[in-house]
Amino acid sequence: MIIDFWRIKNKKEPLTIKGETVEVVDSFTFLSSRIANDLKWHENSVHLKSKAHQQLFFLRTLNLLNVNQMILIKFYRAIIDSILSR
């Protein structure tokens, strides 16, 4: 990824390493974190929110099945809290 801090964006020549052209992307995932080329956290935050929201569905389902509250707390700490604390 090329990070350009210039205010005026110039069209650059394609970057080649050992004869292969490097693909230019807007963002990529590295160690479960989304990194954008402008170094903003918005895309990563949206991704983590989405993953946590998916897991909340299972927590609500367990609650509707009258699962013990201690098990619900352990599920939250193991699954949802681990997503949010990345």
PDB file of N, CA and C in Angstrom:
ATOM      1  N   MET A   1       0.849  -1.169   0.000  1.00  0.00           N
ATOM      2  CA  MET A   1       0.000   0.000   0.000  1.00  0.00           C
ATOM      3  C   MET A   1       0.893   1.229   0.000  1.00  0.00           C
ATOM      4  N   ILE A   2       0.520   2.192  -0.795  1.00  0.00           N
ATOM      5  CA  ILE A   2       1.240   3.451  -0.854  1.00  0.00           C
ATOM      6  C   ILE A   2       0.425   4.476  -0.078  1.00  0.00           C
ATOM      7  N   ILE A   3       1.052   5.100   0.897  1.00  0.00           N
ATOM      8  CA  ILE A   3       0.387   6.130   1.692  1.00  0.00           C
ATOM      9  C   ILE A   3       0.977   7.464   1.264  1.00  0.00           C
ATOM     10  N   ASP A   4       0.120   8.340   0.768  1.00  0.00           N
ATOM     11  CA  ASP A   4       0.553   9.614   0.218  1.00  0.00           C
ATOM     12  C   ASP A   4       0.002  10.734   1.089  1.00  0.00           C
ATOM     13  N   PHE A   5       0.883  11.526   1.694  1.00  0.00           N
ATOM     14  CA  PHE A   5       0.460  12.605   2.573  1.00  0.00           C
ATOM     15  C   PHE A   5       0.362  13.959   1.865  1.00  0.00           C
ATOM     16  N   TRP A   6       0.615  13.986   0.562  1.00  0.00           N
ATOM     17  CA  TRP A   6       0.491  15.225  -0.179  1.00  0.00           C
ATOM     18  C   TRP A   6      -0.969  15.638  -0.261  1.00  0.00           C
ATOM     19  N   ARG A   7      -1.218  16.943  -0.159  1.00  0.00           N
ATOM     20  CA  ARG A   7      -2.598  17.437  -0.251  1.00  0.00           C
ATOM     21  C   ARG A   7      -3.128  17.334  -1.671  1.00  0.00           C
ATOM     22  N   ILE A   8      -2.251  17.574  -2.627  1.00  0.00           N
ATOM     23  CA  ILE A   8      -2.631  17.455  -4.038  1.00  0.00           C
ATOM     24  C   ILE A   8      -2.158  16.090  -4.518  1.00  0.00           C
ATOM     25  N   LYS A   9      -3.104  15.245  -4.868  1.00  0.00           N
ATOM     26  CA  LYS A   9      -2.782  13.889  -5.299  1.00  0.00           C
ATOM     27  C   LYS A   9      -2.325  13.892  -6.751  1.00  0.00           C
ATOM     28  N   ASN A  10      -1.144  13.393  -6.981  1.00  0.00           N
ATOM     29  CA  ASN A  10      -0.614  13.283  -8.333  1.00  0.00           C
ATOM     30  C   ASN A  10      -0.798  11.861  -8.824  1.00  0.00           C
ATOM     31  N   LYS A  11      -1.067  11.738 -10.094  1.00  0.00           N
ATOM     32  CA  LYS A  11      -1.144  10.408 -10.695  1.00  0.00           C
ATOM     33  C   LYS A  11       0.288   9.882 -10.805  1.00  0.00           C
ATOM     34  N   LYS A  12       0.546   8.787 -10.168  1.00  0.00           N
ATOM     35  CA  LYS A  12       1.894   8.234 -10.139  1.00  0.00           C
ATOM     36  C   LYS A  12       2.029   7.098 -11.142  1.00  0.00           C
ATOM     37  N   GLU A  13       3.248   6.862 -11.534  1.00  0.00           N
ATOM     38  CA  GLU A  13       3.520   5.723 -12.395  1.00  0.00           C
ATOM     39  C   GLU A  13       3.326   4.450 -11.583  1.00  0.00           C
ATOM     40  N   PRO A  14       2.948   3.375 -12.246  1.00  0.00           N
ATOM     41  CA  PRO A  14       2.777   2.105 -11.514  1.00  0.00           C
ATOM     42  C   PRO A  14       4.091   1.674 -10.862  1.00  0.00           C
ATOM     43  N   LEU A  15       3.989   1.199  -9.631  1.00  0.00           N
ATOM     44  CA  LEU A  15       5.147   0.738  -8.886  1.00  0.00           C
ATOM     45  C   LEU A  15       5.444  -0.709  -9.271  1.00  0.00           C
ATOM     46  N   THR A  16       6.681  -0.986  -9.619  1.00  0.00           N
ATOM     47  CA  THR A  16       7.065  -2.356  -9.974  1.00  0.00           C
ATOM     48  C   THR A  16       8.193  -2.814  -9.065  1.00  0.00           C
ATOM     49  N   ILE A  17       8.085  -4.042  -8.618  1.00  0.00           N
ATOM     50  CA  ILE A  17       9.111  -4.673  -7.792  1.00  0.00           C
ATOM     51  C   ILE A  17       9.470  -5.988  -8.466  1.00  0.00           C
ATOM     52  N   LYS A  18      10.745  -6.133  -8.797  1.00  0.00           N
ATOM     53  CA  LYS A  18      11.256  -7.315  -9.490  1.00  0.00           C
ATOM     54  C   LYS A  18      10.433  -7.622 -10.745  1.00  0.00           C
ATOM     55  N   GLY A  19      10.088  -6.579 -11.471  1.00  0.00           N
ATOM     56  CA  GLY A  19       9.380  -6.752 -12.732  1.00  0.00           C
ATOM     57  C   GLY A  19       7.881  -6.953 -12.614  1.00  0.00           C
ATOM     58  N   GLU A  20       7.329  -7.040 -11.391  1.00  0.00           N
ATOM     59  CA  GLU A  20       5.889  -7.227 -11.214  1.00  0.00           C
ATOM     60  C   GLU A  20       5.262  -5.926 -10.732  1.00  0.00           C
ATOM     61  N   THR A  21       4.140  -5.569 -11.328  1.00  0.00           N
ATOM     62  CA  THR A  21       3.435  -4.351 -10.947  1.00  0.00           C
ATOM     63  C   THR A  21       2.685  -4.581  -9.640  1.00  0.00           C
ATOM     64  N   VAL A  22       2.844  -3.630  -8.711  1.00  0.00           N
ATOM     65  CA  VAL A  22       2.173  -3.709  -7.407  1.00  0.00           C
ATOM     66  C   VAL A  22       0.775  -3.122  -7.556  1.00  0.00           C
ATOM     67  N   GLU A  23      -0.211  -3.872  -7.108  1.00  0.00           N
ATOM     68  CA  GLU A  23      -1.606  -3.428  -7.205  1.00  0.00           C
ATOM     69  C   GLU A  23      -1.866  -2.316  -6.190  1.00  0.00           C
ATOM     70  N   VAL A  24      -2.562  -1.288  -6.619  1.00  0.00           N
ATOM     71  CA  VAL A  24      -2.930  -0.183  -5.747  1.00  0.00           C
ATOM     72  C   VAL A  24      -4.342  -0.447  -5.235  1.00  0.00           C
ATOM     73  N   VAL A  25      -4.503  -0.471  -3.907  1.00  0.00           N
ATOM     74  CA  VAL A  25      -5.797  -0.738  -3.290  1.00  0.00           C
ATOM     75  C   VAL A  25      -6.144   0.391  -2.327  1.00  0.00           C
ATOM     76  N   ASP A  26      -7.435   0.520  -2.035  1.00  0.00           N
ATOM     77  CA  ASP A  26      -7.881   1.542  -1.085  1.00  0.00           C
ATOM     78  C   ASP A  26      -7.701   1.092   0.353  1.00  0.00           C
ATOM     79  N   SER A  27      -7.833  -0.210   0.608  1.00  0.00           N
ATOM     80  CA  SER A  27      -7.651  -0.736   1.961  1.00  0.00           C
ATOM     81  C   SER A  27      -7.317  -2.218   1.875  1.00  0.00           C
ATOM     82  N   PHE A  28      -6.751  -2.739   2.979  1.00  0.00           N
ATOM     83  CA  PHE A  28      -6.468  -4.159   3.053  1.00  0.00           C
ATOM     84  C   PHE A  28      -6.542  -4.601   4.509  1.00  0.00           C
ATOM     85  N   THR A  29      -6.638  -5.905   4.707  1.00  0.00           N
ATOM     86  CA  THR A  29      -6.734  -6.473   6.046  1.00  0.00           C
ATOM     87  C   THR A  29      -5.382  -7.039   6.449  1.00  0.00           C
ATOM     88  N   PHE A  30      -4.919  -6.640   7.627  1.00  0.00           N
ATOM     89  CA  PHE A  30      -3.652  -7.121   8.163  1.00  0.00           C
ATOM     90  C   PHE A  30      -3.856  -7.420   9.636  1.00  0.00           C
ATOM     91  N   LEU A  31      -3.650  -8.678  10.027  1.00  0.00           N
ATOM     92  CA  LEU A  31      -3.837  -9.120  11.413  1.00  0.00           C
ATOM     93  C   LEU A  31      -5.218  -8.733  11.937  1.00  0.00           C
ATOM     94  N   SER A  32      -6.235  -9.008  11.150  1.00  0.00           N
ATOM     95  CA  SER A  32      -7.651  -8.772  11.479  1.00  0.00           C
ATOM     96  C   SER A  32      -8.015  -7.303  11.643  1.00  0.00           C
ATOM     97  N   SER A  33      -7.179  -6.404  11.178  1.00  0.00           N
ATOM     98  CA  SER A  33      -7.487  -4.977  11.208  1.00  0.00           C
ATOM     99  C   SER A  33      -7.535  -4.457   9.782  1.00  0.00           C
ATOM    100  N   ARG A  34      -8.522  -3.645   9.514  1.00  0.00           N
ATOM    101  CA  ARG A  34      -8.639  -3.043   8.193  1.00  0.00           C
ATOM    102  C   ARG A  34      -7.832  -1.751   8.187  1.00  0.00           C
ATOM    103  N   ILE A  35      -6.923  -1.641   7.248  1.00  0.00           N
ATOM    104  CA  ILE A  35      -6.072  -0.463   7.126  1.00  0.00           C
ATOM    105  C   ILE A  35      -6.412   0.229   5.815  1.00  0.00           C
ATOM    106  N   ALA A  36      -6.791   1.501   5.904  1.00  0.00           N
ATOM    107  CA  ALA A  36      -7.133   2.284   4.715  1.00  0.00           C
ATOM    108  C   ALA A  36      -5.922   3.087   4.283  1.00  0.00           C
ATOM    109  N   ASN A  37      -5.883   3.433   3.001  1.00  0.00           N
ATOM    110  CA  ASN A  37      -4.727   4.165   2.496  1.00  0.00           C
ATOM    111  C   ASN A  37      -4.644   5.597   3.023  1.00  0.00           C
ATOM    112  N   ASP A  38      -5.744   6.122   3.595  1.00  0.00           N
ATOM    113  CA  ASP A  38      -5.699   7.455   4.203  1.00  0.00           C
ATOM    114  C   ASP A  38      -5.482   7.372   5.717  1.00  0.00           C
ATOM    115  N   LEU A  39      -5.264   6.159   6.229  1.00  0.00           N
ATOM    116  CA  LEU A  39      -4.988   5.886   7.649  1.00  0.00           C
ATOM    117  C   LEU A  39      -6.121   6.326   8.573  1.00  0.00           C
ATOM    118  N   LYS A  40      -7.347   6.293   8.100  1.00  0.00           N
ATOM    119  CA  LYS A  40      -8.520   6.575   8.924  1.00  0.00           C
ATOM    120  C   LYS A  40      -9.049   5.255   9.486  1.00  0.00           C
ATOM    121  N   TRP A  41      -9.741   5.316  10.632  1.00  0.00           N
ATOM    122  CA  TRP A  41     -10.208   4.120  11.326  1.00  0.00           C
ATOM    123  C   TRP A  41     -11.657   3.772  11.013  1.00  0.00           C
ATOM    124  N   HIS A  42     -12.322   4.566  10.198  1.00  0.00           N
ATOM    125  CA  HIS A  42     -13.758   4.365   9.973  1.00  0.00           C
ATOM    126  C   HIS A  42     -14.072   2.970   9.438  1.00  0.00           C
ATOM    127  N   GLU A  43     -13.370   2.527   8.421  1.00  0.00           N
ATOM    128  CA  GLU A  43     -13.665   1.222   7.821  1.00  0.00           C
ATOM    129  C   GLU A  43     -13.437   0.080   8.822  1.00  0.00           C
ATOM    130  N   ASN A  44     -12.386   0.180   9.624  1.00  0.00           N
ATOM    131  CA  ASN A  44     -12.114  -0.848  10.628  1.00  0.00           C
ATOM    132  C   ASN A  44     -13.204  -0.857  11.704  1.00  0.00           C
ATOM    133  N   SER A  45     -13.644   0.324  12.125  1.00  0.00           N
ATOM    134  CA  SER A  45     -14.697   0.414  13.149  1.00  0.00           C
ATOM    135  C   SER A  45     -16.013  -0.176  12.654  1.00  0.00           C
ATOM    136  N   VAL A  46     -16.355   0.112  11.417  1.00  0.00           N
ATOM    137  CA  VAL A  46     -17.589  -0.439  10.837  1.00  0.00           C
ATOM    138  C   VAL A  46     -17.500  -1.956  10.756  1.00  0.00           C
ATOM    139  N   HIS A  47     -16.343  -2.479  10.384  1.00  0.00           N
ATOM    140  CA  HIS A  47     -16.150  -3.929  10.281  1.00  0.00           C
ATOM    141  C   HIS A  47     -16.296  -4.602  11.651  1.00  0.00           C
ATOM    142  N   LEU A  48     -15.671  -4.038  12.682  1.00  0.00           N
ATOM    143  CA  LEU A  48     -15.770  -4.610  14.028  1.00  0.00           C
ATOM    144  C   LEU A  48     -17.195  -4.523  14.568  1.00  0.00           C
ATOM    145  N   LYS A  49     -17.866  -3.420  14.309  1.00  0.00           N
ATOM    146  CA  LYS A  49     -19.257  -3.269  14.746  1.00  0.00           C
ATOM    147  C   LYS A  49     -20.141  -4.335  14.103  1.00  0.00           C
ATOM    148  N   SER A  50     -19.914  -4.599  12.826  1.00  0.00           N
ATOM    149  CA  SER A  50     -20.694  -5.594  12.106  1.00  0.00           C
ATOM    150  C   SER A  50     -20.476  -6.993  12.693  1.00  0.00           C
ATOM    151  N   LYS A  51     -19.205  -7.323  12.982  1.00  0.00           N
ATOM    152  CA  LYS A  51     -18.919  -8.644  13.545  1.00  0.00           C
ATOM    153  C   LYS A  51     -19.532  -8.804  14.936  1.00  0.00           C
ATOM    154  N   ALA A  52     -19.452  -7.762  15.757  1.00  0.00           N
ATOM    155  CA  ALA A  52     -20.021  -7.825  17.104  1.00  0.00           C
ATOM    156  C   ALA A  52     -21.547  -7.930  17.033  1.00  0.00           C
ATOM    157  N   HIS A  53     -22.157  -7.217  16.098  1.00  0.00           N
ATOM    158  CA  HIS A  53     -23.614  -7.262  15.945  1.00  0.00           C
ATOM    159  C   HIS A  53     -24.086  -8.668  15.547  1.00  0.00           C
ATOM    160  N   GLN A  54     -23.321  -9.344  14.695  1.00  0.00           N
ATOM    161  CA  GLN A  54     -23.664 -10.711  14.307  1.00  0.00           C
ATOM    162  C   GLN A  54     -23.645 -11.642  15.515  1.00  0.00           C
ATOM    163  N   GLN A  55     -22.686 -11.468  16.397  1.00  0.00           N
ATOM    164  CA  GLN A  55     -22.580 -12.335  17.568  1.00  0.00           C
ATOM    165  C   GLN A  55     -23.648 -12.011  18.609  1.00  0.00           C
ATOM    166  N   LEU A  56     -24.114 -10.766  18.642  1.00  0.00           N
ATOM    167  CA  LEU A  56     -25.190 -10.406  19.570  1.00  0.00           C
ATOM    168  C   LEU A  56     -26.466 -11.171  19.256  1.00  0.00           C
ATOM    169  N   PHE A  57     -26.666 -11.529  18.006  1.00  0.00           N
ATOM    170  CA  PHE A  57     -27.829 -12.339  17.634  1.00  0.00           C
ATOM    171  C   PHE A  57     -27.829 -13.652  18.410  1.00  0.00           C
ATOM    172  N   PHE A  58     -26.659 -14.291  18.504  1.00  0.00           N
ATOM    173  CA  PHE A  58     -26.573 -15.557  19.234  1.00  0.00           C
ATOM    174  C   PHE A  58     -26.796 -15.351  20.725  1.00  0.00           C
ATOM    175  N   LEU A  59     -26.304 -14.240  21.258  1.00  0.00           N
ATOM    176  CA  LEU A  59     -26.522 -13.948  22.675  1.00  0.00           C
ATOM    177  C   LEU A  59     -28.016 -13.754  22.954  1.00  0.00           C
ATOM    178  N   ARG A  60     -28.708 -13.048  22.074  1.00  0.00           N
ATOM    179  CA  ARG A  60     -30.152 -12.862  22.252  1.00  0.00           C
ATOM    180  C   ARG A  60     -30.905 -14.188  22.149  1.00  0.00           C
ATOM    181  N   THR A  61     -30.462 -15.041  21.227  1.00  0.00           N
ATOM    182  CA  THR A  61     -31.105 -16.349  21.069  1.00  0.00           C
ATOM    183  C   THR A  61     -30.926 -17.190  22.326  1.00  0.00           C
ATOM    184  N   LEU A  62     -29.727 -17.184  22.880  1.00  0.00           N
ATOM    185  CA  LEU A  62     -29.487 -17.921  24.125  1.00  0.00           C
ATOM    186  C   LEU A  62     -30.342 -17.363  25.255  1.00  0.00           C
ATOM    187  N   ASN A  63     -30.503 -16.049  25.293  1.00  0.00           N
ATOM    188  CA  ASN A  63     -31.323 -15.439  26.328  1.00  0.00           C
ATOM    189  C   ASN A  63     -32.788 -15.853  26.187  1.00  0.00           C
ATOM    190  N   LEU A  64     -33.282 -15.929  24.943  1.00  0.00           N
ATOM    191  CA  LEU A  64     -34.672 -16.363  24.721  1.00  0.00           C
ATOM    192  C   LEU A  64     -34.883 -17.816  25.121  1.00  0.00           C
ATOM    193  N   LEU A  65     -33.816 -18.605  25.082  1.00  0.00           N
ATOM    194  CA  LEU A  65     -33.913 -20.012  25.482  1.00  0.00           C
ATOM    195  C   LEU A  65     -33.719 -20.197  26.981  1.00  0.00           C
ATOM    196  N   ASN A  66     -33.717 -19.101  27.719  1.00  0.00           N
ATOM    197  CA  ASN A  66     -33.590 -19.095  29.181  1.00  0.00           C
ATOM    198  C   ASN A  66     -32.313 -19.780  29.660  1.00  0.00           C
ATOM    199  N   VAL A  67     -31.205 -19.473  28.992  1.00  0.00           N
ATOM    200  CA  VAL A  67     -29.906 -19.990  29.421  1.00  0.00           C
ATOM    201  C   VAL A  67     -29.483 -19.227  30.668  1.00  0.00           C
ATOM    202  N   ASN A  68     -28.766 -19.900  31.553  1.00  0.00           N
ATOM    203  CA  ASN A  68     -28.308 -19.313  32.807  1.00  0.00           C
ATOM    204  C   ASN A  68     -27.540 -18.014  32.531  1.00  0.00           C
ATOM    205  N   GLN A  69     -27.745 -17.016  33.402  1.00  0.00           N
ATOM    206  CA  GLN A  69     -27.121 -15.711  33.210  1.00  0.00           C
ATOM    207  C   GLN A  69     -25.594 -15.791  33.254  1.00  0.00           C
ATOM    208  N   MET A  70     -25.021 -16.657  34.051  1.00  0.00           N
ATOM    209  CA  MET A  70     -23.553 -16.790  34.112  1.00  0.00           C
ATOM    210  C   MET A  70     -23.001 -17.299  32.780  1.00  0.00           C
ATOM    211  N   ILE A  71     -23.733 -18.172  32.120  1.00  0.00           N
ATOM    212  CA  ILE A  71     -23.295 -18.673  30.811  1.00  0.00           C
ATOM    213  C   ILE A  71     -23.388 -17.558  29.777  1.00  0.00           C
ATOM    214  N   LEU A  72     -24.443 -16.732  29.878  1.00  0.00           N
ATOM    215  CA  LEU A  72     -24.563 -15.592  28.968  1.00  0.00           C
ATOM    216  C   LEU A  72     -23.404 -14.617  29.142  1.00  0.00           C
ATOM    217  N   ILE A  73     -23.024 -14.376  30.383  1.00  0.00           N
ATOM    218  CA  ILE A  73     -21.898 -13.481  30.652  1.00  0.00           C
ATOM    219  C   ILE A  73     -20.609 -14.073  30.109  1.00  0.00           C
ATOM    220  N   LYS A  74     -20.399 -15.359  30.286  1.00  0.00           N
ATOM    221  CA  LYS A  74     -19.190 -16.007  29.760  1.00  0.00           C
ATOM    222  C   LYS A  74     -19.174 -15.971  28.234  1.00  0.00           C
ATOM    223  N   PHE A  75     -20.329 -16.168  27.617  1.00  0.00           N
ATOM    224  CA  PHE A  75     -20.417 -16.079  26.154  1.00  0.00           C
ATOM    225  C   PHE A  75     -20.059 -14.671  25.687  1.00  0.00           C
ATOM    226  N   TYR A  76     -20.605 -13.666  26.366  1.00  0.00           N
ATOM    227  CA  TYR A  76     -20.315 -12.283  25.985  1.00  0.00           C
ATOM    228  C   TYR A  76     -18.825 -11.995  26.096  1.00  0.00           C
ATOM    229  N   ARG A  77     -18.225 -12.372  27.212  1.00  0.00           N
ATOM    230  CA  ARG A  77     -16.803 -12.082  27.425  1.00  0.00           C
ATOM    231  C   ARG A  77     -15.911 -12.847  26.455  1.00  0.00           C
ATOM    232  N   ALA A  78     -16.281 -14.068  26.139  1.00  0.00           N
ATOM    233  CA  ALA A  78     -15.441 -14.884  25.254  1.00  0.00           C
ATOM    234  C   ALA A  78     -15.584 -14.490  23.791  1.00  0.00           C
ATOM    235  N   ILE A  79     -16.785 -14.195  23.361  1.00  0.00           N
ATOM    236  CA  ILE A  79     -17.022 -13.971  21.933  1.00  0.00           C
ATOM    237  C   ILE A  79     -17.097 -12.473  21.590  1.00  0.00           C
ATOM    238  N   ILE A  80     -18.019 -11.770  22.196  1.00  0.00           N
ATOM    239  CA  ILE A  80     -18.281 -10.384  21.786  1.00  0.00           C
ATOM    240  C   ILE A  80     -17.201  -9.436  22.302  1.00  0.00           C
ATOM    241  N   ASP A  81     -16.829  -9.577  23.558  1.00  0.00           N
ATOM    242  CA  ASP A  81     -15.812  -8.692  24.125  1.00  0.00           C
ATOM    243  C   ASP A  81     -14.467  -8.874  23.437  1.00  0.00           C
ATOM    244  N   SER A  82     -14.163 -10.091  23.013  1.00  0.00           N
ATOM    245  CA  SER A  82     -12.896 -10.321  22.320  1.00  0.00           C
ATOM    246  C   SER A  82     -12.871  -9.634  20.953  1.00  0.00           C
ATOM    247  N   ILE A  83     -14.027  -9.501  20.317  1.00  0.00           N
ATOM    248  CA  ILE A  83     -14.103  -8.787  19.037  1.00  0.00           C
ATOM    249  C   ILE A  83     -13.899  -7.290  19.256  1.00  0.00           C
ATOM    250  N   LEU A  84     -14.551  -6.745  20.276  1.00  0.00           N
ATOM    251  CA  LEU A  84     -14.508  -5.304  20.507  1.00  0.00           C
ATOM    252  C   LEU A  84     -13.178  -4.829  21.075  1.00  0.00           C
ATOM    253  N   SER A  85     -12.420  -5.703  21.692  1.00  0.00           N
ATOM    254  CA  SER A  85     -11.160  -5.280  22.315  1.00  0.00           C
ATOM    255  C   SER A  85      -9.955  -5.481  21.405  1.00  0.00           C
ATOM    256  N   ARG A  86     -10.169  -5.743  20.139  1.00  0.00           N
ATOM    257  CA  ARG A  86      -9.044  -5.906  19.206  1.00  0.00           C
ATOM    258  C   ARG A  86      -8.374  -4.598  18.952  1.00  0.00           C
TER     259      ARG A  86
END
